[in-house]
PDB file of N, CA and C in Angstrom:
ATOM      1  N   MET A   1     130.735  96.819 262.402  1.00  0.00           N
ATOM      2  CA  MET A   1     129.027  97.048 262.623  1.00  0.00           C
ATOM      3  C   MET A   1     128.385  95.611 261.226  1.00  0.00           C
ATOM      4  N   ARG A   2     128.179  94.324 261.656  1.00  0.00           N
ATOM      5  CA  ARG A   2     127.310  93.748 261.350  1.00  0.00           C
ATOM      6  C   ARG A   2     126.276  93.369 261.971  1.00  0.00           C
ATOM      7  N   ILE A   3     125.548  93.554 260.349  1.00  0.00           N
ATOM      8  CA  ILE A   3     123.604  93.576 260.302  1.00  0.00           C
ATOM      9  C   ILE A   3     123.171  92.133 259.717  1.00  0.00           C
ATOM     10  N   THR A   4     123.372  91.396 261.044  1.00  0.00           N
ATOM     11  CA  THR A   4     122.815  90.219 260.908  1.00  0.00           C
ATOM     12  C   THR A   4     120.991  89.787 260.331  1.00  0.00           C
ATOM     13  N   ARG A   5     120.888  89.088 259.847  1.00  0.00           N
ATOM     14  CA  ARG A   5     119.473  88.946 259.141  1.00  0.00           C
ATOM     15  C   ARG A   5     119.748  87.538 259.679  1.00  0.00           C
ATOM     16  N   GLN A   6     117.802  88.029 260.286  1.00  0.00           N
ATOM     17  CA  GLN A   6     116.987  86.009 260.522  1.00  0.00           C
ATOM     18  C   GLN A   6     116.544  85.182 259.125  1.00  0.00           C
ATOM     19  N   ILE A   7     116.724  84.838 259.347  1.00  0.00           N
ATOM     20  CA  ILE A   7     115.879  84.109 257.545  1.00  0.00           C
ATOM     21  C   ILE A   7     115.625  82.909 258.624  1.00  0.00           C
ATOM     22  N   GLN A   8     114.075  83.344 257.493  1.00  0.00           N
ATOM     23  CA  GLN A   8     112.916  82.778 258.052  1.00  0.00           C
ATOM     24  C   GLN A   8     112.631  81.618 256.800  1.00  0.00           C
ATOM     25  N   SER A   9     112.515  80.575 257.433  1.00  0.00           N
ATOM     26  CA  SER A   9     111.955  79.593 256.621  1.00  0.00           C
ATOM     27  C   SER A   9     110.788  79.414 256.259  1.00  0.00           C
ATOM     28  N   GLU A  10     111.226  79.039 254.871  1.00  0.00           N
ATOM     29  CA  GLU A  10     109.230  79.126 254.129  1.00  0.00           C
ATOM     30  C   GLU A  10     109.252  77.600 254.851  1.00  0.00           C
ATOM     31  N   ARG A  11     107.110  78.347 255.579  1.00  0.00           N
ATOM     32  CA  ARG A  11     106.716  76.462 255.080  1.00  0.00           C
ATOM     33  C   ARG A  11     105.904  76.016 253.914  1.00  0.00           C
ATOM     34  N   GLU A  12     106.222  74.925 253.618  1.00  0.00           N
ATOM     35  CA  GLU A  12     105.854  73.883 252.629  1.00  0.00           C
ATOM     36  C   GLU A  12     104.475  73.637 252.296  1.00  0.00           C
ATOM     37  N   PRO A  13     104.090  73.819 251.737  1.00  0.00           N
ATOM     38  CA  PRO A  13     102.499  74.230 250.466  1.00  0.00           C
ATOM     39  C   PRO A  13     102.042  72.872 251.113  1.00  0.00           C
ATOM     40  N   THR A  14     103.020  71.817 251.254  1.00  0.00           N
ATOM     41  CA  THR A  14     102.050  70.477 250.983  1.00  0.00           C
ATOM     42  C   THR A  14     101.658  69.994 252.021  1.00  0.00           C
ATOM     43  N   ILE A  15     101.370  70.689 253.513  1.00  0.00           N
ATOM     44  CA  ILE A  15     100.473  70.955 254.824  1.00  0.00           C
ATOM     45  C   ILE A  15      99.124  70.833 254.529  1.00  0.00           C
ATOM     46  N   ALA A  16      99.356  72.144 253.538  1.00  0.00           N
ATOM     47  CA  ALA A  16      98.044  72.500 253.666  1.00  0.00           C
ATOM     48  C   ALA A  16      97.259  71.117 252.343  1.00  0.00           C
ATOM     49  N   LEU A  17      97.741  70.649 251.444  1.00  0.00           N
ATOM     50  CA  LEU A  17      97.266  69.550 250.944  1.00  0.00           C
ATOM     51  C   LEU A  17      97.304  68.149 251.137  1.00  0.00           C
ATOM     52  N   ILE A  18      97.885  68.131 252.411  1.00  0.00           N
ATOM     53  CA  ILE A  18      97.513  66.349 252.750  1.00  0.00           C
ATOM     54  C   ILE A  18      96.662  66.896 254.406  1.00  0.00           C
ATOM     55  N   ASN A  19      96.295  68.032 254.326  1.00  0.00           N
ATOM     56  CA  ASN A  19      94.937  67.995 255.159  1.00  0.00           C
ATOM     57  C   ASN A  19      93.664  68.031 254.723  1.00  0.00           C
ATOM     58  N   ILE A  20      93.547  68.318 252.848  1.00  0.00           N
ATOM     59  CA  ILE A  20      92.690  68.364 252.253  1.00  0.00           C
ATOM     60  C   ILE A  20      92.335  67.342 251.931  1.00  0.00           C
ATOM     61  N   VAL A  21      93.844  66.690 251.311  1.00  0.00           N
ATOM     62  CA  VAL A  21      93.199  65.043 250.853  1.00  0.00           C
ATOM     63  C   VAL A  21      92.874  64.200 252.192  1.00  0.00           C
ATOM     64  N   PHE A  22      93.027  64.849 253.714  1.00  0.00           N
ATOM     65  CA  PHE A  22      92.476  63.803 254.676  1.00  0.00           C
ATOM     66  C   PHE A  22      90.985  64.137 254.856  1.00  0.00           C
ATOM     67  N   LEU A  23      90.950  65.464 254.904  1.00  0.00           N
ATOM     68  CA  LEU A  23      89.715  65.208 255.289  1.00  0.00           C
ATOM     69  C   LEU A  23      88.389  64.589 254.471  1.00  0.00           C
ATOM     70  N   MET A  24      88.813  64.558 252.306  1.00  0.00           N
ATOM     71  CA  MET A  24      88.562  63.997 251.864  1.00  0.00           C
ATOM     72  C   MET A  24      88.486  62.918 252.149  1.00  0.00           C
ATOM     73  N   LEU A  25      89.221  61.594 252.666  1.00  0.00           N
ATOM     74  CA  LEU A  25      88.853  60.374 253.200  1.00  0.00           C
ATOM     75  C   LEU A  25      88.570  60.283 254.289  1.00  0.00           C
ATOM     76  N   VAL A  26      88.260  60.969 255.339  1.00  0.00           N
ATOM     77  CA  VAL A  26      87.306  60.813 255.474  1.00  0.00           C
ATOM     78  C   VAL A  26      86.448  61.233 255.228  1.00  0.00           C
ATOM     79  N   PHE A  27      85.156  61.785 254.866  1.00  0.00           N
ATOM     80  CA  PHE A  27      84.579  61.872 253.638  1.00  0.00           C
ATOM     81  C   PHE A  27      83.940  60.745 252.911  1.00  0.00           C
ATOM     82  N   PHE A  28      84.608  60.702 252.352  1.00  0.00           N
ATOM     83  CA  PHE A  28      84.477  59.900 251.879  1.00  0.00           C
ATOM     84  C   PHE A  28      84.233  58.113 251.903  1.00  0.00           C
ATOM     85  N   MET A  29      85.254  58.196 253.381  1.00  0.00           N
ATOM     86  CA  MET A  29      84.542  57.060 254.011  1.00  0.00           C
ATOM     87  C   MET A  29      83.081  56.609 255.051  1.00  0.00           C
ATOM     88  N   ILE A  30      82.811  57.809 255.453  1.00  0.00           N
ATOM     89  CA  ILE A  30      81.599  58.062 256.490  1.00  0.00           C
ATOM     90  C   ILE A  30      79.969  58.109 255.269  1.00  0.00           C
ATOM     91  N   ALA A  31      80.384  58.773 253.489  1.00  0.00           N
ATOM     92  CA  ALA A  31      79.579  58.900 252.925  1.00  0.00           C
ATOM     93  C   ALA A  31      78.574  57.517 252.315  1.00  0.00           C
ATOM     94  N   GLY A  32      80.545  56.397 252.196  1.00  0.00           N
ATOM     95  CA  GLY A  32      79.722  55.488 251.315  1.00  0.00           C
ATOM     96  C   GLY A  32      79.962  54.676 252.270  1.00  0.00           C
ATOM     97  N   THR A  33      79.584  54.713 253.774  1.00  0.00           N
ATOM     98  CA  THR A  33      78.911  53.955 254.054  1.00  0.00           C
ATOM     99  C   THR A  33      77.074  53.962 254.774  1.00  0.00           C
ATOM    100  N   LEU A  34      76.764  55.569 253.976  1.00  0.00           N
ATOM    101  CA  LEU A  34      75.418  55.521 255.283  1.00  0.00           C
ATOM    102  C   LEU A  34      74.719  54.176 254.190  1.00  0.00           C
ATOM    103  N   ALA A  35      74.968  53.755 253.993  1.00  0.00           N
ATOM    104  CA  ALA A  35      73.842  52.196 253.760  1.00  0.00           C
ATOM    105  C   ALA A  35      73.992  51.453 253.758  1.00  0.00           C
ATOM    106  N   PRO A  36      72.994  50.292 254.691  1.00  0.00           N
ATOM    107  CA  PRO A  36      73.401  49.599 255.285  1.00  0.00           C
ATOM    108  C   PRO A  36      74.016  48.444 254.397  1.00  0.00           C
ATOM    109  N   PRO A  37      75.314  47.239 254.136  1.00  0.00           N
ATOM    110  CA  PRO A  37      75.263  47.256 252.779  1.00  0.00           C
ATOM    111  C   PRO A  37      74.211  45.128 253.828  1.00  0.00           C
ATOM    112  N   LEU A  38      73.960  45.218 252.271  1.00  0.00           N
ATOM    113  CA  LEU A  38      72.394  43.699 252.721  1.00  0.00           C
ATOM    114  C   LEU A  38      73.324  42.906 253.433  1.00  0.00           C
ATOM    115  N   ASP A  39      71.823  42.298 253.795  1.00  0.00           N
ATOM    116  CA  ASP A  39      72.321  40.430 254.468  1.00  0.00           C
ATOM    117  C   ASP A  39      73.186  39.715 253.306  1.00  0.00           C
ATOM    118  N   ARG A  40      73.820  38.708 254.415  1.00  0.00           N
ATOM    119  CA  ARG A  40      74.863  37.785 253.345  1.00  0.00           C
ATOM    120  C   ARG A  40      73.449  36.851 252.976  1.00  0.00           C
ATOM    121  N   ASP A  41      72.211  37.240 252.993  1.00  0.00           N
ATOM    122  CA  ASP A  41      71.585  35.727 253.371  1.00  0.00           C
ATOM    123  C   ASP A  41      70.683  35.827 252.746  1.00  0.00           C
ATOM    124  N   VAL A  42      70.455  36.961 251.714  1.00  0.00           N
ATOM    125  CA  VAL A  42      69.180  37.496 251.140  1.00  0.00           C
ATOM    126  C   VAL A  42      69.660  37.251 249.943  1.00  0.00           C
ATOM    127  N   THR A  43      68.442  36.622 248.993  1.00  0.00           N
ATOM    128  CA  THR A  43      69.941  36.432 247.479  1.00  0.00           C
ATOM    129  C   THR A  43      68.213  37.341 246.533  1.00  0.00           C
ATOM    130  N   LEU A  44      68.955  38.290 246.079  1.00  0.00           N
ATOM    131  CA  LEU A  44      68.402  38.511 245.098  1.00  0.00           C
ATOM    132  C   LEU A  44      67.300  38.154 244.231  1.00  0.00           C
ATOM    133  N   ILE A  45      66.001  39.199 243.768  1.00  0.00           N
ATOM    134  CA  ILE A  45      65.816  38.406 242.514  1.00  0.00           C
ATOM    135  C   ILE A  45      65.854  38.341 240.750  1.00  0.00           C
ATOM    136  N   LYS A  46      64.825  37.500 240.243  1.00  0.00           N
ATOM    137  CA  LYS A  46      66.274  37.781 238.594  1.00  0.00           C
ATOM    138  C   LYS A  46      63.973  38.169 237.732  1.00  0.00           C
ATOM    139  N   THR A  47      64.356  38.629 237.028  1.00  0.00           N
ATOM    140  CA  THR A  47      63.094  39.252 236.239  1.00  0.00           C
ATOM    141  C   THR A  47      63.314  39.543 234.894  1.00  0.00           C
ATOM    142  N   ALA A  48      64.471  38.644 234.207  1.00  0.00           N
ATOM    143  CA  ALA A  48      64.461  38.278 233.323  1.00  0.00           C
ATOM    144  C   ALA A  48      63.477  37.162 232.317  1.00  0.00           C
ATOM    145  N   ASP A  49      62.606  36.463 233.581  1.00  0.00           N
ATOM    146  CA  ASP A  49      62.330  35.239 232.665  1.00  0.00           C
ATOM    147  C   ASP A  49      60.607  36.460 232.604  1.00  0.00           C
ATOM    148  N   LEU A  50      60.102  37.487 233.415  1.00  0.00           N
ATOM    149  CA  LEU A  50      59.050  37.896 233.570  1.00  0.00           C
ATOM    150  C   LEU A  50      58.191  38.028 232.658  1.00  0.00           C
ATOM    151  N   GLU A  51      57.210  37.781 232.252  1.00  0.00           N
ATOM    152  CA  GLU A  51      56.940  38.656 230.864  1.00  0.00           C
ATOM    153  C   GLU A  51      56.253  39.492 231.059  1.00  0.00           C
ATOM    154  N   GLY A  52      57.117  40.663 229.795  1.00  0.00           N
ATOM    155  CA  GLY A  52      56.031  41.828 230.550  1.00  0.00           C
ATOM    156  C   GLY A  52      54.679  42.611 229.521  1.00  0.00           C
ATOM    157  N   SER A  53      54.204  43.739 229.499  1.00  0.00           N
ATOM    158  CA  SER A  53      53.000  43.840 228.723  1.00  0.00           C
ATOM    159  C   SER A  53      53.516  45.367 228.103  1.00  0.00           C
ATOM    160  N   ALA A  54      52.129  45.800 227.440  1.00  0.00           N
ATOM    161  CA  ALA A  54      53.101  46.939 226.433  1.00  0.00           C
ATOM    162  C   ALA A  54      52.563  47.582 227.185  1.00  0.00           C
ATOM    163  N   PRO A  55      53.253  49.288 226.844  1.00  0.00           N
ATOM    164  CA  PRO A  55      51.897  50.347 226.952  1.00  0.00           C
ATOM    165  C   PRO A  55      51.147  50.797 226.334  1.00  0.00           C
ATOM    166  N   PRO A  56      49.922  51.353 227.108  1.00  0.00           N
ATOM    167  CA  PRO A  56      48.831  50.879 226.564  1.00  0.00           C
ATOM    168  C   PRO A  56      48.394  52.339 225.133  1.00  0.00           C
ATOM    169  N   ASP A  57      49.604  52.972 224.571  1.00  0.00           N
ATOM    170  CA  ASP A  57      48.811  54.074 223.552  1.00  0.00           C
ATOM    171  C   ASP A  57      49.850  52.775 223.052  1.00  0.00           C
ATOM    172  N   THR A  58      51.095  52.209 222.083  1.00  0.00           N
ATOM    173  CA  THR A  58      51.551  51.698 221.987  1.00  0.00           C
ATOM    174  C   THR A  58      50.362  50.693 220.480  1.00  0.00           C
ATOM    175  N   LEU A  59      51.439  50.577 219.310  1.00  0.00           N
ATOM    176  CA  LEU A  59      51.273  49.701 218.223  1.00  0.00           C
ATOM    177  C   LEU A  59      51.604  48.528 218.646  1.00  0.00           C
ATOM    178  N   VAL A  60      50.900  47.277 218.686  1.00  0.00           N
ATOM    179  CA  VAL A  60      51.890  45.733 219.330  1.00  0.00           C
ATOM    180  C   VAL A  60      51.597  45.636 217.340  1.00  0.00           C
ATOM    181  N   ILE A  61      52.723  45.347 217.176  1.00  0.00           N
ATOM    182  CA  ILE A  61      53.244  43.901 216.431  1.00  0.00           C
ATOM    183  C   ILE A  61      52.895  42.682 216.087  1.00  0.00           C
ATOM    184  N   HIS A  62      52.172  42.213 216.111  1.00  0.00           N
ATOM    185  CA  HIS A  62      52.743  40.652 216.708  1.00  0.00           C
ATOM    186  C   HIS A  62      53.758  39.538 216.021  1.00  0.00           C
ATOM    187  N   ALA A  63      53.983  38.834 216.346  1.00  0.00           N
ATOM    188  CA  ALA A  63      55.229  37.656 215.517  1.00  0.00           C
ATOM    189  C   ALA A  63      54.134  37.431 214.319  1.00  0.00           C
ATOM    190  N   ASP A  64      53.278  37.071 214.095  1.00  0.00           N
ATOM    191  CA  ASP A  64      52.785  36.695 212.495  1.00  0.00           C
ATOM    192  C   ASP A  64      52.356  38.521 211.961  1.00  0.00           C
ATOM    193  N   GLY A  65      52.474  38.960 212.385  1.00  0.00           N
ATOM    194  CA  GLY A  65      52.450  40.503 211.688  1.00  0.00           C
ATOM    195  C   GLY A  65      51.375  40.662 212.182  1.00  0.00           C
ATOM    196  N   ARG A  66      50.748  40.200 212.720  1.00  0.00           N
ATOM    197  CA  ARG A  66      48.924  41.079 213.441  1.00  0.00           C
ATOM    198  C   ARG A  66      49.660  42.310 213.734  1.00  0.00           C
ATOM    199  N   LEU A  67      48.983  43.646 213.489  1.00  0.00           N
ATOM    200  CA  LEU A  67      48.912  44.520 214.101  1.00  0.00           C
ATOM    201  C   LEU A  67      48.009  44.767 215.987  1.00  0.00           C
ATOM    202  N   SER A  68      48.317  45.187 216.347  1.00  0.00           N
ATOM    203  CA  SER A  68      46.482  45.921 217.829  1.00  0.00           C
ATOM    204  C   SER A  68      47.263  46.719 218.302  1.00  0.00           C
ATOM    205  N   TYR A  69      45.618  48.121 218.765  1.00  0.00           N
ATOM    206  CA  TYR A  69      45.945  48.449 219.180  1.00  0.00           C
ATOM    207  C   TYR A  69      45.175  48.689 221.068  1.00  0.00           C
ATOM    208  N   ARG A  70      46.416  48.880 222.050  1.00  0.00           N
ATOM    209  CA  ARG A  70      44.690  48.559 223.309  1.00  0.00           C
ATOM    210  C   ARG A  70      44.311  47.529 223.670  1.00  0.00           C
ATOM    211  N   GLY A  71      44.880  46.193 223.193  1.00  0.00           N
ATOM    212  CA  GLY A  71      43.711  45.412 222.675  1.00  0.00           C
ATOM    213  C   GLY A  71      42.776  44.966 221.643  1.00  0.00           C
ATOM    214  N   ALA A  72      42.997  45.498 221.186  1.00  0.00           N
ATOM    215  CA  ALA A  72      41.569  45.204 219.612  1.00  0.00           C
ATOM    216  C   ALA A  72      42.754  45.647 218.450  1.00  0.00           C
ATOM    217  N   PRO A  73      42.501  44.488 217.929  1.00  0.00           N
ATOM    218  CA  PRO A  73      43.364  44.311 216.320  1.00  0.00           C
ATOM    219  C   PRO A  73      42.677  45.497 215.343  1.00  0.00           C
ATOM    220  N   VAL A  74      43.777  45.239 214.729  1.00  0.00           N
ATOM    221  CA  VAL A  74      43.870  46.813 213.896  1.00  0.00           C
ATOM    222  C   VAL A  74      43.691  46.296 212.534  1.00  0.00           C
ATOM    223  N   ALA A  75      43.660  47.176 211.926  1.00  0.00           N
ATOM    224  CA  ALA A  75      43.016  46.456 210.035  1.00  0.00           C
ATOM    225  C   ALA A  75      44.598  46.455 209.039  1.00  0.00           C
ATOM    226  N   ASP A  76      44.464  47.618 209.571  1.00  0.00           N
ATOM    227  CA  ASP A  76      46.229  48.366 208.777  1.00  0.00           C
ATOM    228  C   ASP A  76      46.404  48.589 209.090  1.00  0.00           C
ATOM    229  N   ALA A  77      47.476  49.820 208.575  1.00  0.00           N
ATOM    230  CA  ALA A  77      48.868  50.228 209.192  1.00  0.00           C
ATOM    231  C   ALA A  77      47.780  51.948 208.342  1.00  0.00           C
ATOM    232  N   ALA A  78      47.325  52.136 207.228  1.00  0.00           N
ATOM    233  CA  ALA A  78      47.094  52.805 206.987  1.00  0.00           C
ATOM    234  C   ALA A  78      45.846  53.489 207.831  1.00  0.00           C
ATOM    235  N   SER A  79      44.567  52.866 208.169  1.00  0.00           N
ATOM    236  CA  SER A  79      43.485  53.261 208.981  1.00  0.00           C
ATOM    237  C   SER A  79      43.642  53.371 210.352  1.00  0.00           C
ATOM    238  N   PHE A  80      44.027  52.972 210.469  1.00  0.00           N
ATOM    239  CA  PHE A  80      44.903  53.117 212.064  1.00  0.00           C
ATOM    240  C   PHE A  80      45.186  53.891 212.539  1.00  0.00           C
ATOM    241  N   VAL A  81      46.572  54.835 211.406  1.00  0.00           N
ATOM    242  CA  VAL A  81      47.403  56.599 211.437  1.00  0.00           C
ATOM    243  C   VAL A  81      45.602  57.825 210.794  1.00  0.00           C
ATOM    244  N   ALA A  82      45.103  57.052 210.495  1.00  0.00           N
ATOM    245  CA  ALA A  82      44.173  57.756 209.726  1.00  0.00           C
ATOM    246  C   ALA A  82      43.196  58.118 210.917  1.00  0.00           C
ATOM    247  N   GLU A  83      42.837  57.324 211.764  1.00  0.00           N
ATOM    248  CA  GLU A  83      41.626  57.807 213.102  1.00  0.00           C
ATOM    249  C   GLU A  83      42.890  58.302 214.457  1.00  0.00           C
ATOM    250  N   LEU A  84      44.427  58.396 214.540  1.00  0.00           N
ATOM    251  CA  LEU A  84      44.586  58.879 215.157  1.00  0.00           C
ATOM    252  C   LEU A  84      44.558  60.100 215.537  1.00  0.00           C
ATOM    253  N   PRO A  85      44.855  60.605 216.170  1.00  0.00           N
ATOM    254  CA  PRO A  85      44.719  62.209 217.462  1.00  0.00           C
ATOM    255  C   PRO A  85      46.383  62.337 216.243  1.00  0.00           C
ATOM    256  N   GLU A  86      45.970  63.796 216.503  1.00  0.00           N
ATOM    257  CA  GLU A  86      47.740  64.933 215.640  1.00  0.00           C
ATOM    258  C   GLU A  86      48.024  64.312 216.660  1.00  0.00           C
ATOM    259  N   GLU A  87      48.051  65.012 217.669  1.00  0.00           N
ATOM    260  CA  GLU A  87      49.715  64.953 219.014  1.00  0.00           C
ATOM    261  C   GLU A  87      49.967  63.183 218.569  1.00  0.00           C
ATOM    262  N   GLN A  88      48.991  62.566 218.577  1.00  0.00           N
ATOM    263  CA  GLN A  88      49.863  60.947 218.360  1.00  0.00           C
ATOM    264  C   GLN A  88      50.261  61.136 217.292  1.00  0.00           C
ATOM    265  N   ARG A  89      49.619  61.409 215.754  1.00  0.00           N
ATOM    266  CA  ARG A  89      50.862  61.273 214.839  1.00  0.00           C
ATOM    267  C   ARG A  89      52.153  61.118 215.079  1.00  0.00           C
ATOM    268  N   ALA A  90      52.387  62.863 215.614  1.00  0.00           N
ATOM    269  CA  ALA A  90      54.049  62.840 215.670  1.00  0.00           C
ATOM    270  C   ALA A  90      54.262  62.086 216.330  1.00  0.00           C
ATOM    271  N   ALA A  91      54.517  61.567 217.529  1.00  0.00           N
ATOM    272  CA  ALA A  91      55.229  60.300 217.656  1.00  0.00           C
ATOM    273  C   ALA A  91      54.869  58.975 218.153  1.00  0.00           C
ATOM    274  N   LEU A  92      54.763  58.270 216.646  1.00  0.00           N
ATOM    275  CA  LEU A  92      53.644  57.144 217.251  1.00  0.00           C
ATOM    276  C   LEU A  92      54.487  55.535 217.878  1.00  0.00           C
ATOM    277  N   ARG A  93      55.197  55.068 218.808  1.00  0.00           N
ATOM    278  CA  ARG A  93      55.320  54.383 219.329  1.00  0.00           C
ATOM    279  C   ARG A  93      55.011  52.748 219.170  1.00  0.00           C
ATOM    280  N   VAL A  94      55.417  52.243 218.476  1.00  0.00           N
ATOM    281  CA  VAL A  94      55.246  50.596 218.399  1.00  0.00           C
ATOM    282  C   VAL A  94      56.315  49.961 219.486  1.00  0.00           C
ATOM    283  N   VAL A  95      55.340  48.802 219.774  1.00  0.00           N
ATOM    284  CA  VAL A  95      56.302  47.605 220.002  1.00  0.00           C
ATOM    285  C   VAL A  95      56.034  45.692 219.571  1.00  0.00           C
ATOM    286  N   PRO A  96      57.287  46.323 218.472  1.00  0.00           N
ATOM    287  CA  PRO A  96      56.611  44.556 217.906  1.00  0.00           C
ATOM    288  C   PRO A  96      57.583  44.000 218.577  1.00  0.00           C
ATOM    289  N   ASP A  97      57.015  42.444 218.085  1.00  0.00           N
ATOM    290  CA  ASP A  97      57.291  41.509 218.451  1.00  0.00           C
ATOM    291  C   ASP A  97      58.645  40.822 217.564  1.00  0.00           C
ATOM    292  N   ARG A  98      59.672  40.255 219.404  1.00  0.00           N
ATOM    293  CA  ARG A  98      60.874  39.831 219.434  1.00  0.00           C
ATOM    294  C   ARG A  98      60.907  38.828 218.013  1.00  0.00           C
ATOM    295  N   ASP A  99      59.684  38.164 217.491  1.00  0.00           N
ATOM    296  CA  ASP A  99      59.760  37.133 216.780  1.00  0.00           C
ATOM    297  C   ASP A  99      59.719  37.200 215.368  1.00  0.00           C
ATOM    298  N   LEU A 100      58.916  39.325 215.529  1.00  0.00           N
ATOM    299  CA  LEU A 100      59.005  39.645 213.967  1.00  0.00           C
ATOM    300  C   LEU A 100      59.880  39.703 212.820  1.00  0.00           C
ATOM    301  N   PRO A 101      59.237  39.153 211.742  1.00  0.00           N
ATOM    302  CA  PRO A 101      61.383  39.440 210.678  1.00  0.00           C
ATOM    303  C   PRO A 101      61.428  40.881 210.891  1.00  0.00           C
ATOM    304  N   ALA A 102      62.227  40.641 210.287  1.00  0.00           N
ATOM    305  CA  ALA A 102      62.877  42.526 210.335  1.00  0.00           C
ATOM    306  C   ALA A 102      62.791  42.953 209.074  1.00  0.00           C
ATOM    307  N   LYS A 103      61.963  42.231 207.985  1.00  0.00           N
ATOM    308  CA  LYS A 103      61.264  42.613 206.583  1.00  0.00           C
ATOM    309  C   LYS A 103      60.289  43.281 207.154  1.00  0.00           C
ATOM    310  N   LYS A 104      59.336  42.774 207.594  1.00  0.00           N
ATOM    311  CA  LYS A 104      57.569  42.982 207.768  1.00  0.00           C
ATOM    312  C   LYS A 104      58.225  44.317 208.810  1.00  0.00           C
ATOM    313  N   LEU A 105      58.828  44.290 210.512  1.00  0.00           N
ATOM    314  CA  LEU A 105      58.703  45.356 210.437  1.00  0.00           C
ATOM    315  C   LEU A 105      59.461  46.933 209.585  1.00  0.00           C
ATOM    316  N   VAL A 106      60.938  46.071 208.838  1.00  0.00           N
ATOM    317  CA  VAL A 106      60.881  48.037 208.381  1.00  0.00           C
ATOM    318  C   VAL A 106      59.383  47.802 207.079  1.00  0.00           C
ATOM    319  N   THR A 107      58.623  46.782 206.937  1.00  0.00           N
ATOM    320  CA  THR A 107      57.257  47.401 205.933  1.00  0.00           C
ATOM    321  C   THR A 107      56.059  48.201 206.502  1.00  0.00           C
ATOM    322  N   ILE A 108      56.080  47.463 208.723  1.00  0.00           N
ATOM    323  CA  ILE A 108      54.569  48.408 208.942  1.00  0.00           C
ATOM    324  C   ILE A 108      55.081  49.442 208.218  1.00  0.00           C
ATOM    325  N   GLY A 109      56.709  49.843 209.805  1.00  0.00           N
ATOM    326  CA  GLY A 109      56.837  50.679 209.963  1.00  0.00           C
ATOM    327  C   GLY A 109      57.065  52.012 208.694  1.00  0.00           C
ATOM    328  N   ASN A 110      57.340  51.627 206.997  1.00  0.00           N
ATOM    329  CA  ASN A 110      57.470  52.462 206.310  1.00  0.00           C
ATOM    330  C   ASN A 110      55.722  52.672 205.664  1.00  0.00           C
ATOM    331  N   ASP A 111      54.538  51.682 206.253  1.00  0.00           N
ATOM    332  CA  ASP A 111      53.234  52.373 205.773  1.00  0.00           C
ATOM    333  C   ASP A 111      52.914  52.909 206.854  1.00  0.00           C
ATOM    334  N   LEU A 112      53.492  53.064 207.860  1.00  0.00           N
ATOM    335  CA  LEU A 112      52.896  54.104 208.954  1.00  0.00           C
ATOM    336  C   LEU A 112      53.388  55.332 208.933  1.00  0.00           C
ATOM    337  N   ARG A 113      54.401  55.756 208.316  1.00  0.00           N
ATOM    338  CA  ARG A 113      55.032  57.291 207.731  1.00  0.00           C
ATOM    339  C   ARG A 113      54.530  57.415 206.963  1.00  0.00           C
ATOM    340  N   ALA A 114      53.848  56.758 205.882  1.00  0.00           N
ATOM    341  CA  ALA A 114      53.117  56.930 204.406  1.00  0.00           C
ATOM    342  C   ALA A 114      51.767  57.156 204.819  1.00  0.00           C
ATOM    343  N   ALA A 115      51.307  56.739 205.618  1.00  0.00           N
ATOM    344  CA  ALA A 115      49.831  56.854 206.210  1.00  0.00           C
ATOM    345  C   ALA A 115      50.626  58.435 206.805  1.00  0.00           C
ATOM    346  N   GLY A 116      50.747  58.684 207.260  1.00  0.00           N
ATOM    347  CA  GLY A 116      50.929  60.190 208.112  1.00  0.00           C
ATOM    348  C   GLY A 116      51.501  60.437 209.350  1.00  0.00           C
ATOM    349  N   ALA A 117      52.105  59.131 209.777  1.00  0.00           N
ATOM    350  CA  ALA A 117      52.742  59.054 211.504  1.00  0.00           C
ATOM    351  C   ALA A 117      54.196  59.904 211.068  1.00  0.00           C
ATOM    352  N   LYS A 118      54.533  61.642 211.561  1.00  0.00           N
ATOM    353  CA  LYS A 118      56.071  62.180 211.574  1.00  0.00           C
ATOM    354  C   LYS A 118      56.699  60.864 212.014  1.00  0.00           C
ATOM    355  N   ARG A 119      57.126  60.278 213.134  1.00  0.00           N
ATOM    356  CA  ARG A 119      57.939  59.929 213.474  1.00  0.00           C
ATOM    357  C   ARG A 119      57.548  58.136 214.324  1.00  0.00           C
ATOM    358  N   VAL A 120      58.113  57.080 214.059  1.00  0.00           N
ATOM    359  CA  VAL A 120      57.592  55.821 214.469  1.00  0.00           C
ATOM    360  C   VAL A 120      59.056  55.702 215.779  1.00  0.00           C
ATOM    361  N   ILE A 121      58.602  55.187 216.301  1.00  0.00           N
ATOM    362  CA  ILE A 121      59.389  54.767 217.520  1.00  0.00           C
ATOM    363  C   ILE A 121      59.420  53.516 218.166  1.00  0.00           C
ATOM    364  N   LEU A 122      59.609  52.941 218.309  1.00  0.00           N
ATOM    365  CA  LEU A 122      60.318  51.741 218.625  1.00  0.00           C
ATOM    366  C   LEU A 122      60.923  51.162 219.786  1.00  0.00           C
ATOM    367  N   MET A 123      59.725  50.743 220.731  1.00  0.00           N
ATOM    368  CA  MET A 123      59.904  49.968 221.934  1.00  0.00           C
ATOM    369  C   MET A 123      60.382  49.143 221.212  1.00  0.00           C
ATOM    370  N   SER A 124      61.068  49.076 222.897  1.00  0.00           N
ATOM    371  CA  SER A 124      62.233  47.225 222.849  1.00  0.00           C
ATOM    372  C   SER A 124      62.415  47.386 224.532  1.00  0.00           C
ATOM    373  N   GLU A 125      62.332  46.257 225.440  1.00  0.00           N
ATOM    374  CA  GLU A 125      62.928  46.296 226.596  1.00  0.00           C
ATOM    375  C   GLU A 125      64.643  45.714 226.519  1.00  0.00           C
ATOM    376  N   ARG A 126      64.645  46.434 227.661  1.00  0.00           N
ATOM    377  CA  ARG A 126      66.580  46.850 228.432  1.00  0.00           C
ATOM    378  C   ARG A 126      66.356  45.432 229.046  1.00  0.00           C
ATOM    379  N   ALA A 127      67.261  44.399 228.948  1.00  0.00           N
ATOM    380  CA  ALA A 127      68.156  43.709 229.887  1.00  0.00           C
ATOM    381  C   ALA A 127      69.134  44.031 230.140  1.00  0.00           C
ATOM    382  N   LEU A 128      68.816  43.264 231.670  1.00  0.00           N
ATOM    383  CA  LEU A 128      69.802  43.736 232.879  1.00  0.00           C
ATOM    384  C   LEU A 128      70.649  42.819 233.286  1.00  0.00           C
ATOM    385  N   GLN A 129      71.431  42.334 233.080  1.00  0.00           N
ATOM    386  CA  GLN A 129      72.434  41.387 232.902  1.00  0.00           C
ATOM    387  C   GLN A 129      73.128  41.732 233.985  1.00  0.00           C
TER     388      GLN A 129
END
């Protein structure tokens, strides 16, 4: 008497992987088309040439070395820092002019630190090109 075994073929796990990849493909195709495309006739504006203004609570250093705060002229860095409240001395924001020489900027920064500013943060413009 012979005992016969039925050999069961093992299913390949690649079918499940193909299903998952296909579902991900469909999902990203649908998610990628949620925002309608721009009209081809529309040309976006460029803001590179716009004149910016400094935030209100920043010390502005002009190209010739003059200091101003909220539009009013400032005599010198030491007297400016002495008049500031303690919370503004912790992080003093400075907006230097693009044409200000680097030596002058470093000198004014050192004067601000010597007068009691704990951190001097330089504000700049980020160019989106």
